[in-house]
Amino acid sequence: MKGWILERIKRVIEELRPDLEELADGYVELVDADPSSGEVTLRLIGGRLC
C-alpha cells in the first residue's frame, strides 16, 4: 500500500477513534486497508459492539 494512502487512513481513524472506542467500549486499531476495494479492517480490543 502506498505510504500516503496509509497515512491518510490513519489520520481518519484517529479522528474517529474517540467515537469508535466509546461505541465499542474498547480500543480500536488499524489491521489492514485495501485501497483498490476501499475495505478497511479494524481490530477491536477489550470491548464489543452491540
Protein backbone atom coordinates (compact mmCIF):
# COMPACT_ATOMS: atom_id res chain seq x y z
CA MET A 1 0.00 0.00 0.00
CA LYS A 2 1.30 3.42 -0.84
CA GLY A 3 2.54 5.33 2.18
CA TRP A 4 0.38 8.42 1.65
CA ILE A 5 -2.80 6.31 1.46
CA LEU A 6 -1.94 4.52 4.69
CA GLU A 7 -1.19 7.84 6.42
CA ARG A 8 -4.49 9.30 5.26
CA ILE A 9 -6.38 6.26 6.57
CA LYS A 10 -4.56 6.51 9.90
CA ARG A 11 -5.50 10.21 10.21
CA VAL A 12 -9.17 9.46 9.59
CA ILE A 13 -9.14 6.61 12.12
CA GLU A 14 -7.54 8.94 14.69
CA GLU A 15 -10.39 11.40 14.12
CA LEU A 16 -12.96 8.62 14.54
CA ARG A 17 -11.15 6.78 17.36
CA PRO A 18 -12.88 8.50 20.33
CA ASP A 19 -16.35 7.75 18.93
CA LEU A 20 -15.42 4.19 17.93
CA GLU A 21 -13.93 3.46 21.34
CA GLU A 22 -16.92 4.92 23.15
CA LEU A 23 -19.31 2.91 20.99
CA ALA A 24 -17.29 -0.28 21.34
CA ASP A 25 -16.17 0.23 24.95
CA GLY A 26 -12.68 -0.85 23.94
CA TYR A 27 -9.63 0.03 21.87
CA VAL A 28 -9.60 0.21 18.06
CA GLU A 29 -6.54 -0.33 15.86
CA LEU A 30 -5.94 -0.49 12.13
CA VAL A 31 -5.22 -4.02 10.87
CA ASP A 32 -5.27 -3.61 7.09
CA ALA A 33 -6.55 -1.41 4.31
CA ASP A 34 -7.11 -2.22 0.63
CA PRO A 35 -7.26 0.98 -1.41
CA SER A 36 -8.46 -0.84 -4.53
CA SER A 37 -11.63 -2.11 -2.83
CA GLY A 38 -11.90 0.62 -0.18
CA GLU A 39 -12.04 -2.02 2.56
CA VAL A 40 -10.51 -1.16 5.92
CA THR A 41 -10.12 -3.81 8.64
CA LEU A 42 -10.07 -2.71 12.26
CA ARG A 43 -9.32 -4.74 15.39
CA LEU A 44 -11.44 -4.18 18.49
CA ILE A 45 -9.62 -4.95 21.74
CA GLY A 46 -11.25 -5.26 25.14
CA GLY A 47 -14.73 -4.30 24.10
CA ARG A 48 -17.65 -5.28 21.97
CA LEU A 49 -20.13 -3.77 19.57
CA CYS A 50 -23.76 -4.41 20.39
